[in-house]
PDB file of N, CA and C in Angstrom:
ATOM      1  N   UNK A   1      93.350 130.396 109.342  1.00  0.00           N
ATOM      2  CA  UNK A   1      94.457 129.793 109.965  1.00  0.00           C
ATOM      3  C   UNK A   1      95.672 129.991 109.013  1.00  0.00           C
ATOM      4  N   UNK A   2      97.024 130.065 109.541  1.00  0.00           N
ATOM      5  CA  UNK A   2      98.204 129.954 108.947  1.00  0.00           C
ATOM      6  C   UNK A   2      98.942 128.928 109.046  1.00  0.00           C
ATOM      7  N   UNK A   3      99.080 128.112 108.020  1.00  0.00           N
ATOM      8  CA  UNK A   3      99.609 126.713 107.834  1.00  0.00           C
ATOM      9  C   UNK A   3     101.096 127.232 107.458  1.00  0.00           C
ATOM     10  N   UNK A   4     102.334 126.375 108.325  1.00  0.00           N
ATOM     11  CA  UNK A   4     103.769 126.644 107.943  1.00  0.00           C
ATOM     12  C   UNK A   4     103.868 125.373 107.187  1.00  0.00           C
ATOM     13  N   UNK A   5     105.089 125.316 106.374  1.00  0.00           N
ATOM     14  CA  UNK A   5     105.757 124.632 105.831  1.00  0.00           C
ATOM     15  C   UNK A   5     105.734 122.940 106.472  1.00  0.00           C
ATOM     16  N   UNK A   6     106.242 123.223 107.751  1.00  0.00           N
ATOM     17  CA  UNK A   6     106.281 121.898 108.361  1.00  0.00           C
ATOM     18  C   UNK A   6     105.220 121.258 108.583  1.00  0.00           C
ATOM     19  N   UNK A   7     104.074 121.791 108.413  1.00  0.00           N
ATOM     20  CA  UNK A   7     102.885 121.215 108.935  1.00  0.00           C
ATOM     21  C   UNK A   7     102.255 120.493 107.463  1.00  0.00           C
ATOM     22  N   UNK A   8     102.847 121.178 106.299  1.00  0.00           N
ATOM     23  CA  UNK A   8     102.264 120.438 105.060  1.00  0.00           C
ATOM     24  C   UNK A   8     103.342 119.373 104.693  1.00  0.00           C
ATOM     25  N   UNK A   9     104.549 119.460 105.084  1.00  0.00           N
ATOM     26  CA  UNK A   9     105.388 118.351 104.447  1.00  0.00           C
ATOM     27  C   UNK A   9     105.878 117.255 105.874  1.00  0.00           C
ATOM     28  N   UNK A  10     104.930 117.011 106.745  1.00  0.00           N
ATOM     29  CA  UNK A  10     105.165 115.972 107.801  1.00  0.00           C
ATOM     30  C   UNK A  10     104.743 114.853 107.257  1.00  0.00           C
ATOM     31  N   UNK A  11     105.348 113.619 107.744  1.00  0.00           N
ATOM     32  CA  UNK A  11     105.180 112.374 107.143  1.00  0.00           C
ATOM     33  C   UNK A  11     105.045 111.345 108.544  1.00  0.00           C
ATOM     34  N   UNK A  12     104.068 110.437 108.319  1.00  0.00           N
ATOM     35  CA  UNK A  12     103.832 109.094 109.303  1.00  0.00           C
ATOM     36  C   UNK A  12     103.924 107.857 108.566  1.00  0.00           C
ATOM     37  N   UNK A  13     104.127 107.060 109.704  1.00  0.00           N
ATOM     38  CA  UNK A  13     104.237 105.775 109.321  1.00  0.00           C
ATOM     39  C   UNK A  13     103.058 104.772 109.992  1.00  0.00           C
ATOM     40  N   UNK A  14     102.361 103.962 109.106  1.00  0.00           N
ATOM     41  CA  UNK A  14     101.236 103.191 109.560  1.00  0.00           C
ATOM     42  C   UNK A  14     101.859 102.338 110.373  1.00  0.00           C
ATOM     43  N   UNK A  15     101.162 102.145 111.693  1.00  0.00           N
ATOM     44  CA  UNK A  15     101.434 100.906 112.764  1.00  0.00           C
ATOM     45  C   UNK A  15     100.458 100.061 113.015  1.00  0.00           C
ATOM     46  N   UNK A  16      99.180 100.478 112.379  1.00  0.00           N
ATOM     47  CA  UNK A  16      97.884  99.431 112.583  1.00  0.00           C
ATOM     48  C   UNK A  16      96.909  99.805 111.622  1.00  0.00           C
ATOM     49  N   UNK A  17      96.659  99.012 110.845  1.00  0.00           N
ATOM     50  CA  UNK A  17      95.561  98.768 109.913  1.00  0.00           C
ATOM     51  C   UNK A  17      94.292  98.090 110.028  1.00  0.00           C
ATOM     52  N   UNK A  18      94.368  97.745 111.236  1.00  0.00           N
ATOM     53  CA  UNK A  18      93.291  96.806 111.496  1.00  0.00           C
ATOM     54  C   UNK A  18      91.753  97.343 111.328  1.00  0.00           C
ATOM     55  N   UNK A  19      90.995  96.712 110.339  1.00  0.00           N
ATOM     56  CA  UNK A  19      89.786  97.006 109.787  1.00  0.00           C
ATOM     57  C   UNK A  19      89.858  98.024 108.705  1.00  0.00           C
ATOM     58  N   UNK A  20      91.216  98.382 108.310  1.00  0.00           N
ATOM     59  CA  UNK A  20      91.393  99.269 106.916  1.00  0.00           C
ATOM     60  C   UNK A  20      92.465  98.578 106.005  1.00  0.00           C
ATOM     61  N   UNK A  21      92.405  97.228 106.102  1.00  0.00           N
ATOM     62  CA  UNK A  21      93.720  96.523 105.262  1.00  0.00           C
ATOM     63  C   UNK A  21      93.667  96.958 103.837  1.00  0.00           C
ATOM     64  N   UNK A  22      92.527  97.302 103.508  1.00  0.00           N
ATOM     65  CA  UNK A  22      92.386  97.571 101.865  1.00  0.00           C
ATOM     66  C   UNK A  22      92.962  99.047 101.604  1.00  0.00           C
ATOM     67  N   UNK A  23      92.899  99.768 102.598  1.00  0.00           N
ATOM     68  CA  UNK A  23      93.446 101.427 102.602  1.00  0.00           C
ATOM     69  C   UNK A  23      94.757 101.738 103.127  1.00  0.00           C
ATOM     70  N   UNK A  24      94.996 101.068 104.084  1.00  0.00           N
ATOM     71  CA  UNK A  24      96.114 101.415 104.899  1.00  0.00           C
ATOM     72  C   UNK A  24      97.543 100.290 104.899  1.00  0.00           C
ATOM     73  N   UNK A  25      98.521 100.327 104.614  1.00  0.00           N
ATOM     74  CA  UNK A  25      99.627  99.471 104.646  1.00  0.00           C
ATOM     75  C   UNK A  25     100.547  99.449 106.121  1.00  0.00           C
ATOM     76  N   UNK A  26     100.736  98.550 106.953  1.00  0.00           N
ATOM     77  CA  UNK A  26     101.475  98.784 107.936  1.00  0.00           C
ATOM     78  C   UNK A  26     102.940  98.818 107.268  1.00  0.00           C
ATOM     79  N   UNK A  27     103.651  99.680 107.828  1.00  0.00           N
ATOM     80  CA  UNK A  27     104.978  99.932 107.463  1.00  0.00           C
ATOM     81  C   UNK A  27     105.236 100.971 106.436  1.00  0.00           C
ATOM     82  N   UNK A  28     104.247 101.414 105.631  1.00  0.00           N
ATOM     83  CA  UNK A  28     103.924 102.508 104.554  1.00  0.00           C
ATOM     84  C   UNK A  28     103.959 103.700 104.973  1.00  0.00           C
ATOM     85  N   UNK A  29     105.106 104.745 104.558  1.00  0.00           N
ATOM     86  CA  UNK A  29     104.854 106.160 104.883  1.00  0.00           C
ATOM     87  C   UNK A  29     103.921 107.012 104.425  1.00  0.00           C
ATOM     88  N   UNK A  30     103.257 107.626 104.714  1.00  0.00           N
ATOM     89  CA  UNK A  30     102.221 108.534 104.290  1.00  0.00           C
ATOM     90  C   UNK A  30     102.479 109.998 104.588  1.00  0.00           C
ATOM     91  N   UNK A  31     102.085 110.997 103.496  1.00  0.00           N
ATOM     92  CA  UNK A  31     102.171 112.337 104.056  1.00  0.00           C
ATOM     93  C   UNK A  31     100.994 112.834 104.455  1.00  0.00           C
ATOM     94  N   UNK A  32     101.026 113.696 105.544  1.00  0.00           N
ATOM     95  CA  UNK A  32     100.019 114.326 106.062  1.00  0.00           C
ATOM     96  C   UNK A  32      99.651 115.560 105.688  1.00  0.00           C
ATOM     97  N   UNK A  33      98.267 116.080 106.159  1.00  0.00           N
ATOM     98  CA  UNK A  33      97.820 117.222 105.494  1.00  0.00           C
ATOM     99  C   UNK A  33      97.553 117.702 106.901  1.00  0.00           C
ATOM    100  N   UNK A  34      97.849 119.072 107.275  1.00  0.00           N
ATOM    101  CA  UNK A  34      97.188 119.768 108.467  1.00  0.00           C
ATOM    102  C   UNK A  34      95.633 119.800 108.602  1.00  0.00           C
ATOM    103  N   UNK A  35      94.999 119.462 109.520  1.00  0.00           N
ATOM    104  CA  UNK A  35      93.646 119.668 109.596  1.00  0.00           C
ATOM    105  C   UNK A  35      93.354 119.756 111.047  1.00  0.00           C
ATOM    106  N   UNK A  36      93.181 121.088 111.535  1.00  0.00           N
ATOM    107  CA  UNK A  36      93.090 121.355 112.923  1.00  0.00           C
ATOM    108  C   UNK A  36      91.831 120.724 113.515  1.00  0.00           C
ATOM    109  N   UNK A  37      90.508 120.576 112.770  1.00  0.00           N
ATOM    110  CA  UNK A  37      89.568 119.915 113.095  1.00  0.00           C
ATOM    111  C   UNK A  37      89.612 118.241 113.368  1.00  0.00           C
ATOM    112  N   UNK A  38      90.286 117.921 112.584  1.00  0.00           N
ATOM    113  CA  UNK A  38      90.696 116.396 112.757  1.00  0.00           C
ATOM    114  C   UNK A  38      91.657 116.023 113.748  1.00  0.00           C
ATOM    115  N   UNK A  39      92.454 116.892 113.974  1.00  0.00           N
ATOM    116  CA  UNK A  39      93.358 116.948 115.120  1.00  0.00           C
ATOM    117  C   UNK A  39      92.616 116.759 116.506  1.00  0.00           C
ATOM    118  N   UNK A  40      91.755 117.676 116.696  1.00  0.00           N
ATOM    119  CA  UNK A  40      90.861 117.921 117.870  1.00  0.00           C
ATOM    120  C   UNK A  40      90.142 116.731 118.022  1.00  0.00           C
ATOM    121  N   UNK A  41      89.845 115.974 116.941  1.00  0.00           N
ATOM    122  CA  UNK A  41      89.043 114.747 117.263  1.00  0.00           C
ATOM    123  C   UNK A  41      89.873 113.681 117.024  1.00  0.00           C
ATOM    124  N   UNK A  42      91.203 113.525 117.378  1.00  0.00           N
ATOM    125  CA  UNK A  42      91.958 112.276 117.418  1.00  0.00           C
ATOM    126  C   UNK A  42      92.021 111.731 116.129  1.00  0.00           C
ATOM    127  N   UNK A  43      91.925 112.585 115.013  1.00  0.00           N
ATOM    128  CA  UNK A  43      92.227 111.943 113.761  1.00  0.00           C
ATOM    129  C   UNK A  43      93.338 112.819 113.107  1.00  0.00           C
ATOM    130  N   UNK A  44      93.964 111.982 112.069  1.00  0.00           N
ATOM    131  CA  UNK A  44      94.891 112.774 111.243  1.00  0.00           C
ATOM    132  C   UNK A  44      94.484 112.359 109.771  1.00  0.00           C
ATOM    133  N   UNK A  45      94.802 113.179 109.029  1.00  0.00           N
ATOM    134  CA  UNK A  45      94.615 113.219 107.550  1.00  0.00           C
ATOM    135  C   UNK A  45      95.810 112.754 106.514  1.00  0.00           C
ATOM    136  N   UNK A  46      95.766 111.742 106.053  1.00  0.00           N
ATOM    137  CA  UNK A  46      96.717 111.301 105.260  1.00  0.00           C
ATOM    138  C   UNK A  46      96.358 111.152 104.053  1.00  0.00           C
ATOM    139  N   UNK A  47      97.555 111.406 102.810  1.00  0.00           N
ATOM    140  CA  UNK A  47      97.247 111.042 101.565  1.00  0.00           C
ATOM    141  C   UNK A  47      97.805 109.818 100.957  1.00  0.00           C
ATOM    142  N   UNK A  48      97.034 109.062 100.160  1.00  0.00           N
ATOM    143  CA  UNK A  48      97.033 107.757  99.646  1.00  0.00           C
ATOM    144  C   UNK A  48      97.800 107.852  98.243  1.00  0.00           C
ATOM    145  N   UNK A  49      97.995 106.821  97.604  1.00  0.00           N
ATOM    146  CA  UNK A  49      98.733 106.781  96.404  1.00  0.00           C
ATOM    147  C   UNK A  49      97.729 107.317  95.280  1.00  0.00           C
ATOM    148  N   UNK A  50      96.522 107.418  95.374  1.00  0.00           N
ATOM    149  CA  UNK A  50      95.883 107.993  94.559  1.00  0.00           C
ATOM    150  C   UNK A  50      95.753 109.595  94.506  1.00  0.00           C
ATOM    151  N   UNK A  51      96.257 110.151  95.697  1.00  0.00           N
ATOM    152  CA  UNK A  51      96.509 111.633  95.663  1.00  0.00           C
ATOM    153  C   UNK A  51      95.378 112.157  96.602  1.00  0.00           C
ATOM    154  N   UNK A  52      94.274 111.143  96.870  1.00  0.00           N
ATOM    155  CA  UNK A  52      93.312 111.641  97.751  1.00  0.00           C
ATOM    156  C   UNK A  52      93.718 111.543  99.254  1.00  0.00           C
ATOM    157  N   UNK A  53      93.006 112.388 100.036  1.00  0.00           N
ATOM    158  CA  UNK A  53      93.344 112.517 101.577  1.00  0.00           C
ATOM    159  C   UNK A  53      92.160 111.812 102.321  1.00  0.00           C
ATOM    160  N   UNK A  54      92.298 111.032 103.353  1.00  0.00           N
ATOM    161  CA  UNK A  54      91.546 110.568 104.263  1.00  0.00           C
ATOM    162  C   UNK A  54      91.772 110.855 105.449  1.00  0.00           C
ATOM    163  N   UNK A  55      91.058 110.949 106.628  1.00  0.00           N
ATOM    164  CA  UNK A  55      91.143 111.014 107.955  1.00  0.00           C
ATOM    165  C   UNK A  55      90.904 109.527 108.623  1.00  0.00           C
ATOM    166  N   UNK A  56      92.094 109.303 109.267  1.00  0.00           N
ATOM    167  CA  UNK A  56      91.859 107.998 110.288  1.00  0.00           C
ATOM    168  C   UNK A  56      92.346 108.308 111.658  1.00  0.00           C
ATOM    169  N   UNK A  57      92.178 107.523 112.450  1.00  0.00           N
ATOM    170  CA  UNK A  57      92.598 107.768 113.779  1.00  0.00           C
ATOM    171  C   UNK A  57      94.221 107.792 113.933  1.00  0.00           C
ATOM    172  N   UNK A  58      94.447 108.800 114.822  1.00  0.00           N
ATOM    173  CA  UNK A  58      96.015 109.244 114.824  1.00  0.00           C
ATOM    174  C   UNK A  58      96.507 108.211 115.327  1.00  0.00           C
ATOM    175  N   UNK A  59      96.161 107.337 116.193  1.00  0.00           N
ATOM    176  CA  UNK A  59      97.108 106.329 116.931  1.00  0.00           C
ATOM    177  C   UNK A  59      97.209 105.089 115.955  1.00  0.00           C
ATOM    178  N   UNK A  60      96.909 105.212 114.744  1.00  0.00           N
ATOM    179  CA  UNK A  60      97.129 104.150 113.539  1.00  0.00           C
ATOM    180  C   UNK A  60      98.420 104.687 112.976  1.00  0.00           C
ATOM    181  N   UNK A  61      99.006 105.631 113.433  1.00  0.00           N
ATOM    182  CA  UNK A  61     100.309 106.316 112.602  1.00  0.00           C
ATOM    183  C   UNK A  61     101.432 106.589 113.751  1.00  0.00           C
ATOM    184  N   UNK A  62     102.476 106.706 113.431  1.00  0.00           N
ATOM    185  CA  UNK A  62     103.671 107.205 114.209  1.00  0.00           C
ATOM    186  C   UNK A  62     104.347 108.357 113.399  1.00  0.00           C
ATOM    187  N   UNK A  63     104.322 109.527 113.963  1.00  0.00           N
ATOM    188  CA  UNK A  63     105.245 110.607 113.120  1.00  0.00           C
ATOM    189  C   UNK A  63     106.570 110.390 113.094  1.00  0.00           C
ATOM    190  N   UNK A  64     107.186 110.583 111.751  1.00  0.00           N
ATOM    191  CA  UNK A  64     108.618 110.372 111.573  1.00  0.00           C
ATOM    192  C   UNK A  64     109.141 111.709 111.082  1.00  0.00           C
ATOM    193  N   UNK A  65     110.429 111.917 111.228  1.00  0.00           N
ATOM    194  CA  UNK A  65     111.199 113.036 110.620  1.00  0.00           C
ATOM    195  C   UNK A  65     112.165 112.240 109.579  1.00  0.00           C
ATOM    196  N   UNK A  66     111.972 112.346 108.426  1.00  0.00           N
ATOM    197  CA  UNK A  66     112.891 112.016 107.213  1.00  0.00           C
ATOM    198  C   UNK A  66     114.071 112.980 106.870  1.00  0.00           C
ATOM    199  N   UNK A  67     115.223 112.275 106.585  1.00  0.00           N
ATOM    200  CA  UNK A  67     116.432 113.009 106.072  1.00  0.00           C
ATOM    201  C   UNK A  67     115.622 113.883 104.985  1.00  0.00           C
ATOM    202  N   UNK A  68     116.134 115.070 104.579  1.00  0.00           N
ATOM    203  CA  UNK A  68     115.849 116.082 103.754  1.00  0.00           C
ATOM    204  C   UNK A  68     115.935 115.587 102.208  1.00  0.00           C
ATOM    205  N   UNK A  69     117.000 114.768 101.887  1.00  0.00           N
ATOM    206  CA  UNK A  69     116.938 114.208 100.601  1.00  0.00           C
ATOM    207  C   UNK A  69     115.755 113.093 100.279  1.00  0.00           C
ATOM    208  N   UNK A  70     115.437 112.357 101.338  1.00  0.00           N
ATOM    209  CA  UNK A  70     114.448 111.382 101.242  1.00  0.00           C
ATOM    210  C   UNK A  70     112.865 112.066 101.124  1.00  0.00           C
ATOM    211  N   UNK A  71     112.823 113.299 101.924  1.00  0.00           N
ATOM    212  CA  UNK A  71     111.545 113.900 102.046  1.00  0.00           C
ATOM    213  C   UNK A  71     111.460 114.685 100.764  1.00  0.00           C
ATOM    214  N   UNK A  72     112.519 115.346 100.066  1.00  0.00           N
ATOM    215  CA  UNK A  72     112.487 115.874  98.881  1.00  0.00           C
ATOM    216  C   UNK A  72     111.825 114.842  97.825  1.00  0.00           C
ATOM    217  N   UNK A  73     112.669 113.508  97.602  1.00  0.00           N
ATOM    218  CA  UNK A  73     112.235 112.534  96.694  1.00  0.00           C
ATOM    219  C   UNK A  73     110.674 112.085  97.119  1.00  0.00           C
ATOM    220  N   UNK A  74     109.940 112.117  98.149  1.00  0.00           N
ATOM    221  CA  UNK A  74     108.745 111.659  98.323  1.00  0.00           C
ATOM    222  C   UNK A  74     107.924 112.807  97.849  1.00  0.00           C
ATOM    223  N   UNK A  75     108.291 113.981  97.998  1.00  0.00           N
ATOM    224  CA  UNK A  75     107.451 115.069  97.752  1.00  0.00           C
ATOM    225  C   UNK A  75     107.535 115.307  96.084  1.00  0.00           C
ATOM    226  N   UNK A  76     108.578 114.924  95.617  1.00  0.00           N
ATOM    227  CA  UNK A  76     108.742 115.123  93.970  1.00  0.00           C
ATOM    228  C   UNK A  76     107.728 114.296  93.136  1.00  0.00           C
ATOM    229  N   UNK A  77     107.340 113.254  93.803  1.00  0.00           N
ATOM    230  CA  UNK A  77     106.287 112.132  93.161  1.00  0.00           C
ATOM    231  C   UNK A  77     104.932 112.439  93.517  1.00  0.00           C
ATOM    232  N   UNK A  78     104.920 113.461  94.302  1.00  0.00           N
ATOM    233  CA  UNK A  78     103.490 113.594  94.752  1.00  0.00           C
ATOM    234  C   UNK A  78     102.615 114.459  94.002  1.00  0.00           C
TER     235      UNK A  78
END
């Protein structure tokens, strides 16, 4: 499967951390990883502050589009 750059650099904001309070922060921006299998199962794969990626229910997040300078800043610390 060919993954495009837009899929690699997409971001979401957490809107529901119920049951995962230790893992997710409401209002926090997370970078996503394209994962077709996860998407087919209603999941989204996000990267946490440790650099590890985990799959969570997609409805816990809202996709956002960031201004280019903000996106670049977030990607530079990843």
